[in-house]
Amino acid sequence: MKTHEEYMELALEEARKAEEIDEVPVGCIIVCDGEVISRGHNLKEQLNQAYAHAEMMAIQKAAEVKGNWCLNDCDLYVTLEPCMMCTGIINLSRIRTVYYGTQDPKGGCLETVIDLKKINRLNHYPNIVGNILQKECSEILTNYFRKKREIIKEKKQKNKANIQ
């Protein structure tokens, strides 16, 4: 069986796949009985679908592999703390434990923006373990958005030069 860091490295591999196709680099894997049963990365731009987050892609594949929507014997590893939508599907699919790499200060709905443990009306609560390979998971996102900002800045400078 792999360590949590080794599983998170597999999720980072998925994040790199997303980055290669100019998607926000978030990756996810689902583990059942020590085996990776599904993988996913962001495909929102590729599929032109708002729901095509890494977690959604991996959960959909895991349900197909298991032949069941209920994934209560599965653990999910994701490089970024899940958003509200993904937290919802994690709960609905009864994921046992969520391991995430870095917090999302703008949209994280496990512990950061919303603290799932403080909502006392849900019928399922996954275990939550954060900050696994936090530095690596944070850096891939920071570098991606830095490059995006540089491209935008260059375009603005070119447009400004063309106007003059």
Protein backbone atom coordinates (compact mmCIF):
# COMPACT_ATOMS: atom_id res chain seq x y z
CA MET A 1 0.00 0.00 0.00
CA LYS A 2 1.24 3.49 -0.84
CA THR A 3 1.65 6.39 1.56
CA HIS A 4 -0.66 9.40 1.45
CA GLU A 5 2.17 11.38 -0.14
CA GLU A 6 2.58 8.76 -2.88
CA TYR A 7 -1.14 8.84 -3.63
CA MET A 8 -1.08 12.66 -3.70
CA GLU A 9 1.82 12.49 -6.15
CA LEU A 10 -0.49 10.49 -8.44
CA ALA A 11 -3.10 13.24 -8.09
CA LEU A 12 -0.37 15.76 -8.99
CA GLU A 13 0.31 13.73 -12.15
CA GLU A 14 -3.33 14.28 -13.07
CA ALA A 15 -2.98 18.01 -12.34
CA ARG A 16 -0.02 18.14 -14.73
CA LYS A 17 -2.18 16.51 -17.42
CA ALA A 18 -4.71 19.30 -16.95
CA GLU A 19 -1.99 21.94 -17.22
CA GLU A 20 -0.71 20.38 -20.47
CA ILE A 21 -4.10 21.05 -22.08
CA ASP A 22 -4.40 24.54 -20.58
CA GLU A 23 -6.86 23.59 -17.85
CA VAL A 24 -6.54 24.75 -14.25
CA PRO A 25 -4.11 22.15 -12.86
CA VAL A 26 -6.17 20.19 -10.36
CA GLY A 27 -5.93 16.42 -10.23
CA CYS A 28 -7.75 13.69 -8.35
CA ILE A 29 -7.54 9.95 -7.77
CA ILE A 30 -9.84 7.55 -5.96
CA VAL A 31 -8.43 4.64 -3.98
CA CYS A 32 -10.31 1.53 -2.87
CA ASP A 33 -8.62 -1.27 -0.92
CA GLY A 34 -5.20 0.22 -1.66
CA GLU A 35 -5.78 0.30 -5.43
CA VAL A 36 -6.29 3.38 -7.59
CA ILE A 37 -9.64 2.74 -9.28
CA SER A 38 -10.04 6.07 -11.05
CA ARG A 39 -8.27 9.26 -11.98
CA GLY A 40 -9.46 12.64 -13.11
CA HIS A 41 -8.32 16.14 -13.88
CA ASN A 42 -10.04 19.37 -14.79
CA LEU A 43 -11.70 19.28 -18.21
CA LYS A 44 -13.95 22.32 -17.87
CA GLU A 45 -12.57 24.17 -20.91
CA GLN A 46 -12.12 21.03 -23.03
CA LEU A 47 -15.69 19.85 -22.46
CA ASN A 48 -17.16 23.35 -22.13
CA GLN A 49 -18.93 22.14 -18.99
CA ALA A 50 -18.84 23.96 -15.65
CA TYR A 51 -19.11 20.69 -13.73
CA ALA A 52 -16.04 19.04 -15.31
CA HIS A 53 -13.83 19.35 -12.22
CA ALA A 54 -11.20 16.75 -11.36
CA GLU A 55 -13.28 15.32 -8.50
CA MET A 56 -16.40 14.98 -10.65
CA MET A 57 -14.47 13.17 -13.38
CA ALA A 58 -12.85 10.77 -10.91
CA ILE A 59 -16.06 10.05 -8.98
CA GLN A 60 -17.97 9.34 -12.18
CA LYS A 61 -15.29 6.87 -13.30
CA ALA A 62 -15.10 5.23 -9.85
CA ALA A 63 -18.87 4.66 -9.82
CA GLU A 64 -18.60 3.03 -13.25
CA VAL A 65 -15.72 0.79 -12.11
CA LYS A 66 -17.54 -0.29 -8.95
CA GLY A 67 -20.95 -0.51 -10.60
CA ASN A 68 -22.36 1.52 -7.71
CA TRP A 69 -22.79 5.19 -6.86
CA CYS A 70 -22.00 4.49 -3.19
CA LEU A 71 -18.25 4.81 -2.70
CA ASN A 72 -18.20 4.47 1.08
CA ASP A 73 -15.14 2.20 1.00
CA CYS A 74 -13.16 4.66 -1.13
CA ASP A 75 -10.79 7.51 -0.39
CA LEU A 76 -10.35 10.56 -2.60
CA TYR A 77 -7.05 12.40 -3.09
CA VAL A 78 -7.24 15.84 -4.71
CA THR A 79 -4.61 18.52 -5.12
CA LEU A 80 -6.93 21.43 -4.19
CA GLU A 81 -9.58 21.60 -1.48
CA PRO A 82 -12.92 20.85 -3.18
CA CYS A 83 -15.43 23.55 -4.12
CA MET A 84 -19.08 23.52 -3.04
CA MET A 85 -20.22 21.46 -6.02
CA CYS A 86 -17.52 18.83 -5.57
CA THR A 87 -18.05 18.71 -1.81
CA GLY A 88 -21.70 17.98 -2.56
CA ILE A 89 -20.92 15.05 -4.86
CA ILE A 90 -18.32 13.77 -2.38
CA ASN A 91 -21.04 13.69 0.28
CA LEU A 92 -23.66 12.18 -2.02
CA SER A 93 -21.31 9.42 -3.14
CA ARG A 94 -20.37 8.71 0.50
CA ILE A 95 -16.59 9.00 0.01
CA ARG A 96 -14.95 7.74 3.22
CA THR A 97 -11.99 10.15 3.45
CA VAL A 98 -10.89 13.19 1.47
CA TYR A 99 -7.18 13.95 1.39
CA TYR A 100 -6.40 17.31 -0.17
CA GLY A 101 -3.17 19.04 -1.02
CA THR A 102 -3.73 22.74 -0.49
CA GLN A 103 -6.54 24.91 0.81
CA ASP A 104 -8.63 27.04 -1.53
CA PRO A 105 -9.08 30.43 0.17
CA LYS A 106 -11.74 31.50 -2.36
CA GLY A 107 -13.77 28.34 -2.80
CA GLY A 108 -12.73 25.55 -0.46
CA CYS A 109 -15.80 23.97 1.09
CA LEU A 110 -14.33 21.31 3.35
CA GLU A 111 -12.60 23.57 5.86
CA THR A 112 -11.75 27.01 4.47
CA VAL A 113 -14.71 29.02 3.11
CA ILE A 114 -17.21 26.54 4.52
CA ASP A 115 -16.30 24.20 7.36
CA LEU A 116 -18.23 21.04 6.55
CA LYS A 117 -17.93 19.75 10.12
CA LYS A 118 -19.97 22.72 11.37
CA ILE A 119 -22.99 21.83 9.24
CA ASN A 120 -25.02 19.58 11.51
CA ARG A 121 -27.80 18.49 9.16
CA LEU A 122 -26.00 16.27 6.68
CA ASN A 123 -26.38 12.50 6.68
CA HIS A 124 -22.75 11.84 5.74
CA TYR A 125 -19.46 13.46 6.65
CA PRO A 126 -16.23 12.29 5.07
CA ASN A 127 -13.08 12.27 7.13
CA ILE A 128 -10.92 15.21 6.04
CA VAL A 129 -7.13 15.38 5.96
CA GLY A 130 -5.53 18.46 4.44
CA ASN A 131 -2.14 19.82 3.45
CA ILE A 132 -0.62 16.66 1.97
CA LEU A 133 2.24 17.77 -0.31
CA GLN A 134 0.87 21.27 0.28
CA LYS A 135 3.88 23.07 -1.20
CA GLU A 136 3.84 21.09 -4.44
CA CYS A 137 0.06 21.33 -4.83
CA SER A 138 0.12 25.07 -4.19
CA GLU A 139 3.08 25.72 -6.51
CA ILE A 140 1.53 24.10 -9.57
CA LEU A 141 -1.50 26.40 -9.23
CA THR A 142 0.55 29.51 -8.44
CA ASN A 143 2.83 28.94 -11.44
CA TYR A 144 -0.12 28.28 -13.76
CA PHE A 145 -1.90 31.50 -12.82
CA ARG A 146 1.35 33.50 -12.92
CA LYS A 147 1.87 32.36 -16.53
CA LYS A 148 -1.74 33.25 -17.36
CA ARG A 149 -1.29 36.77 -15.93
CA GLU A 150 1.94 37.23 -17.91
CA ILE A 151 0.17 36.27 -21.14
CA ILE A 152 -2.62 38.76 -20.42
CA LYS A 153 -0.07 41.48 -19.62
CA GLU A 154 1.80 40.81 -22.88
CA LYS A 155 -1.43 40.99 -24.89
CA LYS A 156 -2.33 44.31 -23.28
CA GLN A 157 1.13 45.69 -24.07
CA LYS A 158 0.86 44.55 -27.70
CA ASN A 159 -2.59 46.10 -28.02
CA LYS A 160 -1.33 49.34 -26.49
CA ALA A 161 1.64 49.39 -28.91
CA ASN A 162 -0.68 48.79 -31.88
CA ILE A 163 -2.92 51.68 -30.83
CA GLN A 164 -0.05 54.16 -30.65
